[in-house]
Amino acid sequence: MNVDLMTSETAYGIAFIVAAIGAYGIATSRNLIRTLLSIEVLFNGIFLAIVTYLSQIAVLDTLASVIIVSVVSGEVIVIVAVIVSFYRIAKTLDSSSMEEEGV
């Protein structure tokens, strides 16, 4: 008896939950680091759905996984650069001060 522990429906459900957590974090956070981490969580949920969709084709699954890991690595570098630049300008990581100062 072969039981598949992770069906595609389960993976899509987890992807939706992860994306919803990221969207909630974006909507409720004022801290720049929390907002950018919430965007990262949202993207991870979307990427999980994409990899799940492409997992039916073995070649596309591997290729998509490599591309997604590369994109996420580049995304983290950009997020760190934005945080450092914002902190140098505003001397705080509160996004409401950015709106007040017009940065």
PDB file of N, CA and C in Angstrom:
ATOM      1  N   MET A   1       0.851  -1.177   0.000  1.00  0.00           N
ATOM      2  CA  MET A   1       0.000   0.000   0.000  1.00  0.00           C
ATOM      3  C   MET A   1       0.895   1.238   0.000  1.00  0.00           C
ATOM      4  N   ASN A   2       0.798   2.033  -1.059  1.00  0.00           N
ATOM      5  CA  ASN A   2       1.610   3.228  -1.220  1.00  0.00           C
ATOM      6  C   ASN A   2       0.779   4.456  -0.842  1.00  0.00           C
ATOM      7  N   VAL A   3       1.170   5.122   0.208  1.00  0.00           N
ATOM      8  CA  VAL A   3       0.439   6.300   0.671  1.00  0.00           C
ATOM      9  C   VAL A   3       1.310   7.518   0.428  1.00  0.00           C
ATOM     10  N   ASP A   4       0.798   8.450  -0.363  1.00  0.00           N
ATOM     11  CA  ASP A   4       1.513   9.689  -0.627  1.00  0.00           C
ATOM     12  C   ASP A   4       1.234  10.656   0.514  1.00  0.00           C
ATOM     13  N   LEU A   5       2.284  11.027   1.258  1.00  0.00           N
ATOM     14  CA  LEU A   5       2.101  11.868   2.432  1.00  0.00           C
ATOM     15  C   LEU A   5       1.720  13.298   2.066  1.00  0.00           C
ATOM     16  N   MET A   6       2.184  13.797   0.943  1.00  0.00           N
ATOM     17  CA  MET A   6       1.922  15.168   0.560  1.00  0.00           C
ATOM     18  C   MET A   6       1.231  15.186  -0.799  1.00  0.00           C
ATOM     19  N   THR A   7      -0.069  15.257  -0.797  1.00  0.00           N
ATOM     20  CA  THR A   7      -0.795  15.351  -2.053  1.00  0.00           C
ATOM     21  C   THR A   7      -0.754  16.793  -2.537  1.00  0.00           C
ATOM     22  N   SER A   8      -1.116  16.980  -3.775  1.00  0.00           N
ATOM     23  CA  SER A   8      -1.083  18.341  -4.317  1.00  0.00           C
ATOM     24  C   SER A   8      -2.123  19.228  -3.639  1.00  0.00           C
ATOM     25  N   GLU A   9      -3.242  18.643  -3.213  1.00  0.00           N
ATOM     26  CA  GLU A   9      -4.250  19.444  -2.516  1.00  0.00           C
ATOM     27  C   GLU A   9      -3.712  19.956  -1.178  1.00  0.00           C
ATOM     28  N   THR A  10      -2.960  19.103  -0.485  1.00  0.00           N
ATOM     29  CA  THR A  10      -2.348  19.513   0.782  1.00  0.00           C
ATOM     30  C   THR A  10      -1.330  20.620   0.548  1.00  0.00           C
ATOM     31  N   ALA A  11      -0.510  20.477  -0.488  1.00  0.00           N
ATOM     32  CA  ALA A  11       0.505  21.489  -0.788  1.00  0.00           C
ATOM     33  C   ALA A  11      -0.148  22.814  -1.167  1.00  0.00           C
ATOM     34  N   TYR A  12      -1.234  22.759  -1.949  1.00  0.00           N
ATOM     35  CA  TYR A  12      -1.940  24.002  -2.296  1.00  0.00           C
ATOM     36  C   TYR A  12      -2.562  24.641  -1.058  1.00  0.00           C
ATOM     37  N   GLY A  13      -3.063  23.828  -0.149  1.00  0.00           N
ATOM     38  CA  GLY A  13      -3.627  24.359   1.089  1.00  0.00           C
ATOM     39  C   GLY A  13      -2.573  25.045   1.938  1.00  0.00           C
ATOM     40  N   ILE A  14      -1.418  24.402   2.053  1.00  0.00           N
ATOM     41  CA  ILE A  14      -0.325  25.001   2.817  1.00  0.00           C
ATOM     42  C   ILE A  14       0.158  26.276   2.141  1.00  0.00           C
ATOM     43  N   ALA A  15       0.249  26.265   0.814  1.00  0.00           N
ATOM     44  CA  ALA A  15       0.670  27.460   0.082  1.00  0.00           C
ATOM     45  C   ALA A  15      -0.306  28.609   0.311  1.00  0.00           C
ATOM     46  N   PHE A  16      -1.604  28.312   0.314  1.00  0.00           N
ATOM     47  CA  PHE A  16      -2.602  29.353   0.560  1.00  0.00           C
ATOM     48  C   PHE A  16      -2.479  29.912   1.971  1.00  0.00           C
ATOM     49  N   ILE A  17      -2.280  29.042   2.946  1.00  0.00           N
ATOM     50  CA  ILE A  17      -2.152  29.495   4.343  1.00  0.00           C
ATOM     51  C   ILE A  17      -0.913  30.360   4.508  1.00  0.00           C
ATOM     52  N   VAL A  18       0.211  29.944   3.922  1.00  0.00           N
ATOM     53  CA  VAL A  18       1.449  30.723   4.024  1.00  0.00           C
ATOM     54  C   VAL A  18       1.276  32.081   3.342  1.00  0.00           C
ATOM     55  N   ALA A  19       0.649  32.097   2.164  1.00  0.00           N
ATOM     56  CA  ALA A  19       0.424  33.362   1.467  1.00  0.00           C
ATOM     57  C   ALA A  19      -0.524  34.265   2.254  1.00  0.00           C
ATOM     58  N   ALA A  20      -1.527  33.686   2.884  1.00  0.00           N
ATOM     59  CA  ALA A  20      -2.463  34.485   3.689  1.00  0.00           C
ATOM     60  C   ALA A  20      -1.764  35.080   4.911  1.00  0.00           C
ATOM     61  N   ILE A  21      -0.868  34.329   5.528  1.00  0.00           N
ATOM     62  CA  ILE A  21      -0.101  34.860   6.663  1.00  0.00           C
ATOM     63  C   ILE A  21       0.761  36.033   6.198  1.00  0.00           C
ATOM     64  N   GLY A  22       1.379  35.902   5.048  1.00  0.00           N
ATOM     65  CA  GLY A  22       2.188  36.994   4.509  1.00  0.00           C
ATOM     66  C   GLY A  22       1.355  38.222   4.193  1.00  0.00           C
ATOM     67  N   ALA A  23       0.178  38.033   3.609  1.00  0.00           N
ATOM     68  CA  ALA A  23      -0.701  39.168   3.295  1.00  0.00           C
ATOM     69  C   ALA A  23      -1.180  39.850   4.566  1.00  0.00           C
ATOM     70  N   TYR A  24      -1.491  39.076   5.578  1.00  0.00           N
ATOM     71  CA  TYR A  24      -1.904  39.653   6.866  1.00  0.00           C
ATOM     72  C   TYR A  24      -0.766  40.467   7.481  1.00  0.00           C
ATOM     73  N   GLY A  25       0.441  39.958   7.412  1.00  0.00           N
ATOM     74  CA  GLY A  25       1.590  40.679   7.941  1.00  0.00           C
ATOM     75  C   GLY A  25       1.835  41.984   7.210  1.00  0.00           C
ATOM     76  N   ILE A  26       1.638  41.990   5.899  1.00  0.00           N
ATOM     77  CA  ILE A  26       1.807  43.221   5.127  1.00  0.00           C
ATOM     78  C   ILE A  26       0.752  44.247   5.523  1.00  0.00           C
ATOM     79  N   ALA A  27      -0.458  43.792   5.713  1.00  0.00           N
ATOM     80  CA  ALA A  27      -1.555  44.711   6.020  1.00  0.00           C
ATOM     81  C   ALA A  27      -1.476  45.295   7.417  1.00  0.00           C
ATOM     82  N   THR A  28      -0.890  44.590   8.363  1.00  0.00           N
ATOM     83  CA  THR A  28      -0.946  45.038   9.755  1.00  0.00           C
ATOM     84  C   THR A  28       0.364  45.584  10.301  1.00  0.00           C
ATOM     85  N   SER A  29       1.463  45.475   9.583  1.00  0.00           N
ATOM     86  CA  SER A  29       2.757  45.847  10.147  1.00  0.00           C
ATOM     87  C   SER A  29       3.135  47.279   9.801  1.00  0.00           C
ATOM     88  N   ARG A  30       3.723  47.976  10.766  1.00  0.00           N
ATOM     89  CA  ARG A  30       4.270  49.315  10.556  1.00  0.00           C
ATOM     90  C   ARG A  30       5.798  49.289  10.491  1.00  0.00           C
ATOM     91  N   ASN A  31       6.393  48.243  11.002  1.00  0.00           N
ATOM     92  CA  ASN A  31       7.843  48.117  11.012  1.00  0.00           C
ATOM     93  C   ASN A  31       8.303  47.654   9.637  1.00  0.00           C
ATOM     94  N   LEU A  32       9.328  48.317   9.105  1.00  0.00           N
ATOM     95  CA  LEU A  32       9.799  48.004   7.766  1.00  0.00           C
ATOM     96  C   LEU A  32      10.326  46.579   7.656  1.00  0.00           C
ATOM     97  N   ILE A  33      11.028  46.114   8.649  1.00  0.00           N
ATOM     98  CA  ILE A  33      11.568  44.749   8.604  1.00  0.00           C
ATOM     99  C   ILE A  33      10.435  43.730   8.609  1.00  0.00           C
ATOM    100  N   ARG A  34       9.429  43.936   9.453  1.00  0.00           N
ATOM    101  CA  ARG A  34       8.294  43.004   9.468  1.00  0.00           C
ATOM    102  C   ARG A  34       7.544  43.016   8.141  1.00  0.00           C
ATOM    103  N   THR A  35       7.389  44.193   7.548  1.00  0.00           N
ATOM    104  CA  THR A  35       6.698  44.278   6.267  1.00  0.00           C
ATOM    105  C   THR A  35       7.461  43.529   5.186  1.00  0.00           C
ATOM    106  N   LEU A  36       8.768  43.723   5.124  1.00  0.00           N
ATOM    107  CA  LEU A  36       9.560  43.047   4.104  1.00  0.00           C
ATOM    108  C   LEU A  36       9.623  41.539   4.347  1.00  0.00           C
ATOM    109  N   LEU A  37       9.666  41.119   5.601  1.00  0.00           N
ATOM    110  CA  LEU A  37       9.613  39.674   5.889  1.00  0.00           C
ATOM    111  C   LEU A  37       8.248  39.091   5.525  1.00  0.00           C
ATOM    112  N   SER A  38       7.191  39.872   5.709  1.00  0.00           N
ATOM    113  CA  SER A  38       5.861  39.404   5.318  1.00  0.00           C
ATOM    114  C   SER A  38       5.757  39.255   3.810  1.00  0.00           C
ATOM    115  N   ILE A  39       6.402  40.169   3.077  1.00  0.00           N
ATOM    116  CA  ILE A  39       6.444  40.030   1.614  1.00  0.00           C
ATOM    117  C   ILE A  39       7.186  38.753   1.238  1.00  0.00           C
ATOM    118  N   GLU A  40       8.265  38.461   1.941  1.00  0.00           N
ATOM    119  CA  GLU A  40       9.023  37.233   1.695  1.00  0.00           C
ATOM    120  C   GLU A  40       8.159  35.996   1.959  1.00  0.00           C
ATOM    121  N   VAL A  41       7.393  36.006   3.040  1.00  0.00           N
ATOM    122  CA  VAL A  41       6.509  34.878   3.353  1.00  0.00           C
ATOM    123  C   VAL A  41       5.437  34.732   2.272  1.00  0.00           C
ATOM    124  N   LEU A  42       4.887  35.848   1.813  1.00  0.00           N
ATOM    125  CA  LEU A  42       3.891  35.807   0.735  1.00  0.00           C
ATOM    126  C   LEU A  42       4.480  35.193  -0.522  1.00  0.00           C
ATOM    127  N   PHE A  43       5.685  35.624  -0.905  1.00  0.00           N
ATOM    128  CA  PHE A  43       6.336  35.050  -2.077  1.00  0.00           C
ATOM    129  C   PHE A  43       6.615  33.564  -1.904  1.00  0.00           C
ATOM    130  N   ASN A  44       6.999  33.146  -0.713  1.00  0.00           N
ATOM    131  CA  ASN A  44       7.245  31.722  -0.479  1.00  0.00           C
ATOM    132  C   ASN A  44       5.975  30.898  -0.662  1.00  0.00           C
ATOM    133  N   GLY A  45       4.829  31.431  -0.225  1.00  0.00           N
ATOM    134  CA  GLY A  45       3.563  30.739  -0.462  1.00  0.00           C
ATOM    135  C   GLY A  45       3.252  30.615  -1.940  1.00  0.00           C
ATOM    136  N   ILE A  46       3.509  31.691  -2.676  1.00  0.00           N
ATOM    137  CA  ILE A  46       3.270  31.668  -4.127  1.00  0.00           C
ATOM    138  C   ILE A  46       4.222  30.692  -4.804  1.00  0.00           C
ATOM    139  N   PHE A  47       5.502  30.711  -4.402  1.00  0.00           N
ATOM    140  CA  PHE A  47       6.474  29.800  -4.994  1.00  0.00           C
ATOM    141  C   PHE A  47       6.144  28.345  -4.691  1.00  0.00           C
ATOM    142  N   LEU A  48       5.623  28.068  -3.500  1.00  0.00           N
ATOM    143  CA  LEU A  48       5.213  26.703  -3.168  1.00  0.00           C
ATOM    144  C   LEU A  48       4.084  26.246  -4.086  1.00  0.00           C
ATOM    145  N   ALA A  49       3.153  27.129  -4.366  1.00  0.00           N
ATOM    146  CA  ALA A  49       2.062  26.774  -5.290  1.00  0.00           C
ATOM    147  C   ALA A  49       2.595  26.521  -6.695  1.00  0.00           C
ATOM    148  N   ILE A  50       3.563  27.328  -7.133  1.00  0.00           N
ATOM    149  CA  ILE A  50       4.133  27.147  -8.475  1.00  0.00           C
ATOM    150  C   ILE A  50       4.881  25.822  -8.568  1.00  0.00           C
ATOM    151  N   VAL A  51       5.693  25.515  -7.572  1.00  0.00           N
ATOM    152  CA  VAL A  51       6.450  24.261  -7.591  1.00  0.00           C
ATOM    153  C   VAL A  51       5.504  23.064  -7.517  1.00  0.00           C
ATOM    154  N   THR A  52       4.439  23.192  -6.743  1.00  0.00           N
ATOM    155  CA  THR A  52       3.460  22.107  -6.669  1.00  0.00           C
ATOM    156  C   THR A  52       2.796  21.886  -8.021  1.00  0.00           C
ATOM    157  N   TYR A  53       2.466  22.968  -8.702  1.00  0.00           N
ATOM    158  CA  TYR A  53       1.833  22.861 -10.016  1.00  0.00           C
ATOM    159  C   TYR A  53       2.775  22.202 -11.027  1.00  0.00           C
ATOM    160  N   LEU A  54       4.059  22.566 -10.964  1.00  0.00           N
ATOM    161  CA  LEU A  54       5.014  22.029 -11.930  1.00  0.00           C
ATOM    162  C   LEU A  54       5.587  20.671 -11.525  1.00  0.00           C
ATOM    163  N   SER A  55       5.198  20.148 -10.366  1.00  0.00           N
ATOM    164  CA  SER A  55       5.781  18.888  -9.900  1.00  0.00           C
ATOM    165  C   SER A  55       5.299  17.668 -10.684  1.00  0.00           C
ATOM    166  N   GLN A  56       4.282  17.832 -11.499  1.00  0.00           N
ATOM    167  CA  GLN A  56       3.827  16.698 -12.304  1.00  0.00           C
ATOM    168  C   GLN A  56       4.808  16.379 -13.426  1.00  0.00           C
ATOM    169  N   ILE A  57       5.631  17.369 -13.816  1.00  0.00           N
ATOM    170  CA  ILE A  57       6.619  17.163 -14.872  1.00  0.00           C
ATOM    171  C   ILE A  57       7.995  17.250 -14.222  1.00  0.00           C
ATOM    172  N   ALA A  58       8.755  16.155 -14.245  1.00  0.00           N
ATOM    173  CA  ALA A  58      10.005  16.061 -13.487  1.00  0.00           C
ATOM    174  C   ALA A  58      11.037  17.093 -13.927  1.00  0.00           C
ATOM    175  N   VAL A  59      11.163  17.329 -15.214  1.00  0.00           N
ATOM    176  CA  VAL A  59      12.174  18.276 -15.693  1.00  0.00           C
ATOM    177  C   VAL A  59      11.807  19.692 -15.272  1.00  0.00           C
ATOM    178  N   LEU A  60      10.552  20.065 -15.412  1.00  0.00           N
ATOM    179  CA  LEU A  60      10.118  21.403 -15.025  1.00  0.00           C
ATOM    180  C   LEU A  60      10.188  21.602 -13.520  1.00  0.00           C
ATOM    181  N   ASP A  61       9.958  20.549 -12.772  1.00  0.00           N
ATOM    182  CA  ASP A  61      10.030  20.646 -11.316  1.00  0.00           C
ATOM    183  C   ASP A  61      11.429  21.033 -10.866  1.00  0.00           C
ATOM    184  N   THR A  62      12.424  20.351 -11.372  1.00  0.00           N
ATOM    185  CA  THR A  62      13.808  20.644 -11.001  1.00  0.00           C
ATOM    186  C   THR A  62      14.227  22.023 -11.492  1.00  0.00           C
ATOM    187  N   LEU A  63      13.890  22.340 -12.720  1.00  0.00           N
ATOM    188  CA  LEU A  63      14.252  23.634 -13.287  1.00  0.00           C
ATOM    189  C   LEU A  63      13.586  24.771 -12.529  1.00  0.00           C
ATOM    190  N   ALA A  64      12.309  24.635 -12.224  1.00  0.00           N
ATOM    191  CA  ALA A  64      11.591  25.670 -11.487  1.00  0.00           C
ATOM    192  C   ALA A  64      12.148  25.831 -10.081  1.00  0.00           C
ATOM    193  N   SER A  65      12.514  24.744  -9.450  1.00  0.00           N
ATOM    194  CA  SER A  65      13.082  24.829  -8.107  1.00  0.00           C
ATOM    195  C   SER A  65      14.410  25.591  -8.108  1.00  0.00           C
ATOM    196  N   VAL A  66      15.256  25.338  -9.085  1.00  0.00           N
ATOM    197  CA  VAL A  66      16.536  26.039  -9.181  1.00  0.00           C
ATOM    198  C   VAL A  66      16.311  27.529  -9.453  1.00  0.00           C
ATOM    199  N   ILE A  67      15.399  27.842 -10.344  1.00  0.00           N
ATOM    200  CA  ILE A  67      15.106  29.242 -10.658  1.00  0.00           C
ATOM    201  C   ILE A  67      14.529  29.955  -9.441  1.00  0.00           C
ATOM    202  N   ILE A  68      13.633  29.309  -8.729  1.00  0.00           N
ATOM    203  CA  ILE A  68      13.012  29.937  -7.558  1.00  0.00           C
ATOM    204  C   ILE A  68      14.030  30.172  -6.455  1.00  0.00           C
ATOM    205  N   VAL A  69      14.934  29.232  -6.234  1.00  0.00           N
ATOM    206  CA  VAL A  69      15.975  29.434  -5.219  1.00  0.00           C
ATOM    207  C   VAL A  69      16.855  30.617  -5.614  1.00  0.00           C
ATOM    208  N   SER A  70      17.161  30.744  -6.891  1.00  0.00           N
ATOM    209  CA  SER A  70      17.967  31.875  -7.358  1.00  0.00           C
ATOM    210  C   SER A  70      17.238  33.195  -7.163  1.00  0.00           C
ATOM    211  N   VAL A  71      15.962  33.237  -7.474  1.00  0.00           N
ATOM    212  CA  VAL A  71      15.177  34.463  -7.318  1.00  0.00           C
ATOM    213  C   VAL A  71      15.074  34.851  -5.848  1.00  0.00           C
ATOM    214  N   VAL A  72      14.837  33.889  -4.983  1.00  0.00           N
ATOM    215  CA  VAL A  72      14.716  34.178  -3.557  1.00  0.00           C
ATOM    216  C   VAL A  72      16.044  34.692  -2.998  1.00  0.00           C
ATOM    217  N   SER A  73      17.152  34.137  -3.456  1.00  0.00           N
ATOM    218  CA  SER A  73      18.455  34.621  -2.994  1.00  0.00           C
ATOM    219  C   SER A  73      18.666  36.070  -3.396  1.00  0.00           C
ATOM    220  N   GLY A  74      18.352  36.406  -4.624  1.00  0.00           N
ATOM    221  CA  GLY A  74      18.461  37.790  -5.072  1.00  0.00           C
ATOM    222  C   GLY A  74      17.504  38.710  -4.339  1.00  0.00           C
ATOM    223  N   GLU A  75      16.337  38.211  -4.047  1.00  0.00           N
ATOM    224  CA  GLU A  75      15.329  38.998  -3.327  1.00  0.00           C
ATOM    225  C   GLU A  75      15.805  39.350  -1.918  1.00  0.00           C
ATOM    226  N   VAL A  76      16.431  38.421  -1.247  1.00  0.00           N
ATOM    227  CA  VAL A  76      16.941  38.677   0.105  1.00  0.00           C
ATOM    228  C   VAL A  76      18.018  39.753   0.066  1.00  0.00           C
ATOM    229  N   ILE A  77      18.875  39.732  -0.932  1.00  0.00           N
ATOM    230  CA  ILE A  77      19.912  40.756  -1.065  1.00  0.00           C
ATOM    231  C   ILE A  77      19.292  42.127  -1.255  1.00  0.00           C
ATOM    232  N   VAL A  78      18.260  42.221  -2.084  1.00  0.00           N
ATOM    233  CA  VAL A  78      17.586  43.501  -2.307  1.00  0.00           C
ATOM    234  C   VAL A  78      16.890  43.977  -1.037  1.00  0.00           C
ATOM    235  N   ILE A  79      16.268  43.078  -0.306  1.00  0.00           N
ATOM    236  CA  ILE A  79      15.580  43.456   0.934  1.00  0.00           C
ATOM    237  C   ILE A  79      16.574  44.015   1.952  1.00  0.00           C
ATOM    238  N   VAL A  80      17.718  43.379   2.100  1.00  0.00           N
ATOM    239  CA  VAL A  80      18.721  43.874   3.045  1.00  0.00           C
ATOM    240  C   VAL A  80      19.235  45.245   2.598  1.00  0.00           C
ATOM    241  N   ALA A  81      19.447  45.439   1.302  1.00  0.00           N
ATOM    242  CA  ALA A  81      19.908  46.737   0.800  1.00  0.00           C
ATOM    243  C   ALA A  81      18.873  47.833   1.054  1.00  0.00           C
ATOM    244  N   VAL A  82      17.597  47.527   0.884  1.00  0.00           N
ATOM    245  CA  VAL A  82      16.540  48.511   1.140  1.00  0.00           C
ATOM    246  C   VAL A  82      16.498  48.869   2.621  1.00  0.00           C
ATOM    247  N   ILE A  83      16.610  47.884   3.485  1.00  0.00           N
ATOM    248  CA  ILE A  83      16.569  48.151   4.925  1.00  0.00           C
ATOM    249  C   ILE A  83      17.752  49.022   5.349  1.00  0.00           C
ATOM    250  N   VAL A  84      18.940  48.713   4.868  1.00  0.00           N
ATOM    251  CA  VAL A  84      20.116  49.502   5.228  1.00  0.00           C
ATOM    252  C   VAL A  84      19.998  50.928   4.698  1.00  0.00           C
ATOM    253  N   SER A  85      19.558  51.087   3.470  1.00  0.00           N
ATOM    254  CA  SER A  85      19.394  52.429   2.893  1.00  0.00           C
ATOM    255  C   SER A  85      18.350  53.239   3.648  1.00  0.00           C
ATOM    256  N   PHE A  86      17.240  52.613   3.967  1.00  0.00           N
ATOM    257  CA  PHE A  86      16.192  53.323   4.696  1.00  0.00           C
ATOM    258  C   PHE A  86      16.671  53.725   6.087  1.00  0.00           C
ATOM    259  N   TYR A  87      17.390  52.849   6.741  1.00  0.00           N
ATOM    260  CA  TYR A  87      17.876  53.168   8.082  1.00  0.00           C
ATOM    261  C   TYR A  87      18.896  54.304   8.039  1.00  0.00           C
ATOM    262  N   ARG A  88      19.728  54.342   7.008  1.00  0.00           N
ATOM    263  CA  ARG A  88      20.695  55.437   6.886  1.00  0.00           C
ATOM    264  C   ARG A  88      19.999  56.776   6.680  1.00  0.00           C
ATOM    265  N   ILE A  89      18.911  56.799   5.942  1.00  0.00           N
ATOM    266  CA  ILE A  89      18.195  58.051   5.664  1.00  0.00           C
ATOM    267  C   ILE A  89      17.330  58.461   6.848  1.00  0.00           C
ATOM    268  N   ALA A  90      16.516  57.551   7.355  1.00  0.00           N
ATOM    269  CA  ALA A  90      15.494  57.901   8.338  1.00  0.00           C
ATOM    270  C   ALA A  90      15.939  57.692   9.783  1.00  0.00           C
ATOM    271  N   LYS A  91      17.001  56.941  10.011  1.00  0.00           N
ATOM    272  CA  LYS A  91      17.479  56.613  11.360  1.00  0.00           C
ATOM    273  C   LYS A  91      16.442  55.858  12.200  1.00  0.00           C
ATOM    274  N   THR A  92      15.478  55.257  11.556  1.00  0.00           N
ATOM    275  CA  THR A  92      14.478  54.426  12.208  1.00  0.00           C
ATOM    276  C   THR A  92      13.962  53.411  11.196  1.00  0.00           C
ATOM    277  N   LEU A  93      13.319  52.375  11.681  1.00  0.00           N
ATOM    278  CA  LEU A  93      12.736  51.375  10.791  1.00  0.00           C
ATOM    279  C   LEU A  93      11.216  51.389  10.828  1.00  0.00           C
ATOM    280  N   ASP A  94      10.634  52.452  11.376  1.00  0.00           N
ATOM    281  CA  ASP A  94       9.184  52.603  11.420  1.00  0.00           C
ATOM    282  C   ASP A  94       8.715  53.205  10.104  1.00  0.00           C
ATOM    283  N   SER A  95       7.876  52.503   9.387  1.00  0.00           N
ATOM    284  CA  SER A  95       7.457  52.961   8.070  1.00  0.00           C
ATOM    285  C   SER A  95       6.547  54.177   8.123  1.00  0.00           C
ATOM    286  N   SER A  96       5.898  54.448   9.258  1.00  0.00           N
ATOM    287  CA  SER A  96       5.050  55.640   9.349  1.00  0.00           C
ATOM    288  C   SER A  96       5.900  56.919   9.324  1.00  0.00           C
ATOM    289  N   SER A  97       7.138  56.853   9.840  1.00  0.00           N
ATOM    290  CA  SER A  97       8.010  58.021   9.781  1.00  0.00           C
ATOM    291  C   SER A  97       8.422  58.309   8.348  1.00  0.00           C
ATOM    292  N   MET A  98       8.482  57.292   7.516  1.00  0.00           N
ATOM    293  CA  MET A  98       8.798  57.501   6.109  1.00  0.00           C
ATOM    294  C   MET A  98       7.698  58.312   5.442  1.00  0.00           C
ATOM    295  N   GLU A  99       6.451  58.043   5.785  1.00  0.00           N
ATOM    296  CA  GLU A  99       5.343  58.796   5.210  1.00  0.00           C
ATOM    297  C   GLU A  99       5.352  60.233   5.694  1.00  0.00           C
ATOM    298  N   GLU A 100       5.688  60.447   6.959  1.00  0.00           N
ATOM    299  CA  GLU A 100       5.700  61.790   7.529  1.00  0.00           C
ATOM    300  C   GLU A 100       6.811  62.641   6.925  1.00  0.00           C
ATOM    301  N   GLU A 101       7.998  62.072   6.713  1.00  0.00           N
ATOM    302  CA  GLU A 101       9.139  62.811   6.201  1.00  0.00           C
ATOM    303  C   GLU A 101       9.140  62.911   4.691  1.00  0.00           C
ATOM    304  N   GLY A 102       8.314  62.139   4.015  1.00  0.00           N
ATOM    305  CA  GLY A 102       8.283  62.166   2.553  1.00  0.00           C
ATOM    306  C   GLY A 102       9.441  61.441   1.918  1.00  0.00           C
ATOM    307  N   VAL A 103       9.997  60.474   2.605  1.00  0.00           N
ATOM    308  CA  VAL A 103      11.125  59.712   2.067  1.00  0.00           C
ATOM    309  C   VAL A 103      10.625  58.688   1.088  1.00  0.00           C
TER     310      VAL A 103
END
